[in-house]
Amino acid sequence: MASRTATPLDHPALEDVSFSAALEALRDPHRLTMVAALAREPGQSCGAIMPPVSKPAASRHFKILRAAGLLRQWDSGTQRLNALRREEFDVRFPGLLDLALAEAARG
């Protein structure tokens, strides 16, 4: 079996992320919960913030968040860790993440 690090993770430049992709990533309740968890505590493993869905569905959620420029992932030993690209995302879409996190808090 190939190691997880055999395939590089794609982290797009934020200027290449469309507003609709960002909105799409944030509109799903599972992804919004994942983003809120990372806003509270960066550097969490996938298992710590994985929504209650199948592993393939969770992988898809992580991929969508990465593609929307919200998430940075890296491998550390046997774990894949996650953090929000908060500063970069806020420059590209000012206030959007704050609105989404406020919605998650109401949730």
C-alpha atoms as a PDB file:
ATOM      1  CA  MET A   1       0.000   0.000   0.000  1.00  0.00           C
ATOM      2  CA  ALA A   2       1.319   3.452  -0.888  1.00  0.00           C
ATOM      3  CA  SER A   3       1.958   5.819   1.955  1.00  0.00           C
ATOM      4  CA  ARG A   4      -0.351   8.746   2.447  1.00  0.00           C
ATOM      5  CA  THR A   5       2.544  11.106   1.679  1.00  0.00           C
ATOM      6  CA  ALA A   6       3.097   9.486  -1.742  1.00  0.00           C
ATOM      7  CA  THR A   7       0.408  11.754  -3.159  1.00  0.00           C
ATOM      8  CA  PRO A   8       1.011  15.464  -2.615  1.00  0.00           C
ATOM      9  CA  LEU A   9      -1.875  17.494  -1.240  1.00  0.00           C
ATOM     10  CA  ASP A  10      -3.208  20.238  -3.477  1.00  0.00           C
ATOM     11  CA  HIS A  11      -3.476  23.617  -1.740  1.00  0.00           C
ATOM     12  CA  PRO A  12      -4.631  26.155  -4.321  1.00  0.00           C
ATOM     13  CA  ALA A  13      -3.501  29.736  -4.435  1.00  0.00           C
ATOM     14  CA  LEU A  14      -6.351  31.767  -2.939  1.00  0.00           C
ATOM     15  CA  GLU A  15      -6.538  34.031  -5.983  1.00  0.00           C
ATOM     16  CA  ASP A  16      -7.554  30.920  -7.948  1.00  0.00           C
ATOM     17  CA  VAL A  17     -10.494  30.140  -5.640  1.00  0.00           C
ATOM     18  CA  SER A  18     -13.882  31.428  -6.768  1.00  0.00           C
ATOM     19  CA  PHE A  19     -16.427  32.978  -4.451  1.00  0.00           C
ATOM     20  CA  SER A  20     -18.930  30.271  -5.407  1.00  0.00           C
ATOM     21  CA  ALA A  21     -16.435  27.522  -4.452  1.00  0.00           C
ATOM     22  CA  ALA A  22     -15.911  29.174  -1.068  1.00  0.00           C
ATOM     23  CA  LEU A  23     -19.666  29.451  -0.485  1.00  0.00           C
ATOM     24  CA  GLU A  24     -20.227  25.866  -1.590  1.00  0.00           C
ATOM     25  CA  ALA A  25     -17.589  24.621   0.850  1.00  0.00           C
ATOM     26  CA  LEU A  26     -19.108  26.556   3.743  1.00  0.00           C
ATOM     27  CA  ARG A  27     -22.753  25.742   3.074  1.00  0.00           C
ATOM     28  CA  ASP A  28     -22.539  22.082   4.090  1.00  0.00           C
ATOM     29  CA  PRO A  29     -23.272  21.570   7.822  1.00  0.00           C
ATOM     30  CA  HIS A  30     -20.562  18.908   8.232  1.00  0.00           C
ATOM     31  CA  ARG A  31     -17.901  21.086   6.628  1.00  0.00           C
ATOM     32  CA  LEU A  32     -19.013  24.103   8.622  1.00  0.00           C
ATOM     33  CA  THR A  33     -18.667  22.080  11.831  1.00  0.00           C
ATOM     34  CA  MET A  34     -15.167  21.005  10.768  1.00  0.00           C
ATOM     35  CA  VAL A  35     -14.177  24.612  10.039  1.00  0.00           C
ATOM     36  CA  ALA A  36     -15.556  25.777  13.391  1.00  0.00           C
ATOM     37  CA  ALA A  37     -13.566  23.077  15.210  1.00  0.00           C
ATOM     38  CA  LEU A  38     -10.371  24.226  13.487  1.00  0.00           C
ATOM     39  CA  ALA A  39     -11.127  27.868  14.262  1.00  0.00           C
ATOM     40  CA  ARG A  40     -11.254  26.941  17.954  1.00  0.00           C
ATOM     41  CA  GLU A  41      -8.194  24.685  17.887  1.00  0.00           C
ATOM     42  CA  PRO A  42      -5.819  24.597  14.889  1.00  0.00           C
ATOM     43  CA  GLY A  43      -3.648  21.605  14.122  1.00  0.00           C
ATOM     44  CA  GLN A  44      -6.208  18.891  14.809  1.00  0.00           C
ATOM     45  CA  SER A  45      -6.040  15.478  13.162  1.00  0.00           C
ATOM     46  CA  CYS A  46      -8.604  14.371  10.615  1.00  0.00           C
ATOM     47  CA  GLY A  47      -9.994  11.861  13.098  1.00  0.00           C
ATOM     48  CA  ALA A  48     -10.561  14.569  15.702  1.00  0.00           C
ATOM     49  CA  ILE A  49     -12.746  16.694  13.418  1.00  0.00           C
ATOM     50  CA  MET A  50     -14.183  14.025  11.119  1.00  0.00           C
ATOM     51  CA  PRO A  51     -17.942  14.336  10.774  1.00  0.00           C
ATOM     52  CA  PRO A  52     -20.169  11.318  11.491  1.00  0.00           C
ATOM     53  CA  VAL A  53     -20.032  10.042   7.906  1.00  0.00           C
ATOM     54  CA  SER A  54     -18.235   7.259   6.054  1.00  0.00           C
ATOM     55  CA  LYS A  55     -14.487   7.600   5.470  1.00  0.00           C
ATOM     56  CA  PRO A  56     -14.940   8.239   1.716  1.00  0.00           C
ATOM     57  CA  ALA A  57     -17.486  10.981   2.472  1.00  0.00           C
ATOM     58  CA  ALA A  58     -15.165  12.516   5.072  1.00  0.00           C
ATOM     59  CA  SER A  59     -12.287  12.459   2.566  1.00  0.00           C
ATOM     60  CA  ARG A  60     -14.512  14.292   0.088  1.00  0.00           C
ATOM     61  CA  HIS A  61     -15.340  16.955   2.716  1.00  0.00           C
ATOM     62  CA  PHE A  62     -11.630  17.491   3.435  1.00  0.00           C
ATOM     63  CA  LYS A  63     -10.888  17.723  -0.306  1.00  0.00           C
ATOM     64  CA  ILE A  64     -13.639  20.319  -0.841  1.00  0.00           C
ATOM     65  CA  LEU A  65     -12.349  22.437   2.048  1.00  0.00           C
ATOM     66  CA  ARG A  66      -8.790  22.258   0.652  1.00  0.00           C
ATOM     67  CA  ALA A  67      -9.968  23.139  -2.868  1.00  0.00           C
ATOM     68  CA  ALA A  68     -11.861  26.148  -1.507  1.00  0.00           C
ATOM     69  CA  GLY A  69      -8.688  27.435   0.124  1.00  0.00           C
ATOM     70  CA  LEU A  70     -10.015  27.009   3.645  1.00  0.00           C
ATOM     71  CA  LEU A  71      -7.830  24.180   4.814  1.00  0.00           C
ATOM     72  CA  ARG A  72      -4.136  23.414   4.955  1.00  0.00           C
ATOM     73  CA  GLN A  73      -3.233  19.789   5.606  1.00  0.00           C
ATOM     74  CA  TRP A  74       0.101  18.154   6.364  1.00  0.00           C
ATOM     75  CA  ASP A  75       1.269  14.767   7.522  1.00  0.00           C
ATOM     76  CA  SER A  76       2.932  14.222  10.881  1.00  0.00           C
ATOM     77  CA  GLY A  77       3.868  10.610  11.481  1.00  0.00           C
ATOM     78  CA  THR A  78       0.732   8.562  10.955  1.00  0.00           C
ATOM     79  CA  GLN A  79      -1.644  11.494  11.292  1.00  0.00           C
ATOM     80  CA  ARG A  80      -2.861  14.069   8.832  1.00  0.00           C
ATOM     81  CA  LEU A  81      -3.200  17.423  10.574  1.00  0.00           C
ATOM     82  CA  ASN A  82      -5.380  20.358   9.586  1.00  0.00           C
ATOM     83  CA  ALA A  83      -5.468  24.106  10.062  1.00  0.00           C
ATOM     84  CA  LEU A  84      -7.521  26.910   8.601  1.00  0.00           C
ATOM     85  CA  ARG A  85      -5.839  29.222   6.131  1.00  0.00           C
ATOM     86  CA  ARG A  86      -7.611  31.959   8.039  1.00  0.00           C
ATOM     87  CA  GLU A  87      -5.401  34.955   7.280  1.00  0.00           C
ATOM     88  CA  GLU A  88      -5.128  34.163   3.571  1.00  0.00           C
ATOM     89  CA  PHE A  89      -8.842  33.380   3.262  1.00  0.00           C
ATOM     90  CA  ASP A  90      -9.796  36.606   5.056  1.00  0.00           C
ATOM     91  CA  VAL A  91      -7.719  38.632   2.598  1.00  0.00           C
ATOM     92  CA  ARG A  92      -9.439  36.958  -0.378  1.00  0.00           C
ATOM     93  CA  PHE A  93     -12.984  36.970   1.075  1.00  0.00           C
ATOM     94  CA  PRO A  94     -13.115  39.541   3.910  1.00  0.00           C
ATOM     95  CA  GLY A  95     -15.749  38.738   6.519  1.00  0.00           C
ATOM     96  CA  LEU A  96     -17.027  35.530   4.891  1.00  0.00           C
ATOM     97  CA  LEU A  97     -15.421  33.177   7.388  1.00  0.00           C
ATOM     98  CA  ASP A  98     -16.583  35.321  10.311  1.00  0.00           C
ATOM     99  CA  LEU A  99     -20.169  35.100   9.025  1.00  0.00           C
ATOM    100  CA  ALA A 100     -19.913  31.347   8.553  1.00  0.00           C
ATOM    101  CA  LEU A 101     -18.447  30.838  12.034  1.00  0.00           C
ATOM    102  CA  ALA A 102     -21.186  32.992  13.581  1.00  0.00           C
ATOM    103  CA  GLU A 103     -23.746  30.822  11.818  1.00  0.00           C
ATOM    104  CA  ALA A 104     -22.032  27.668  13.089  1.00  0.00           C
ATOM    105  CA  ALA A 105     -22.158  29.037  16.643  1.00  0.00           C
ATOM    106  CA  ARG A 106     -25.914  29.607  16.318  1.00  0.00           C
ATOM    107  CA  GLY A 107     -26.274  26.162  14.967  1.00  0.00           C
END
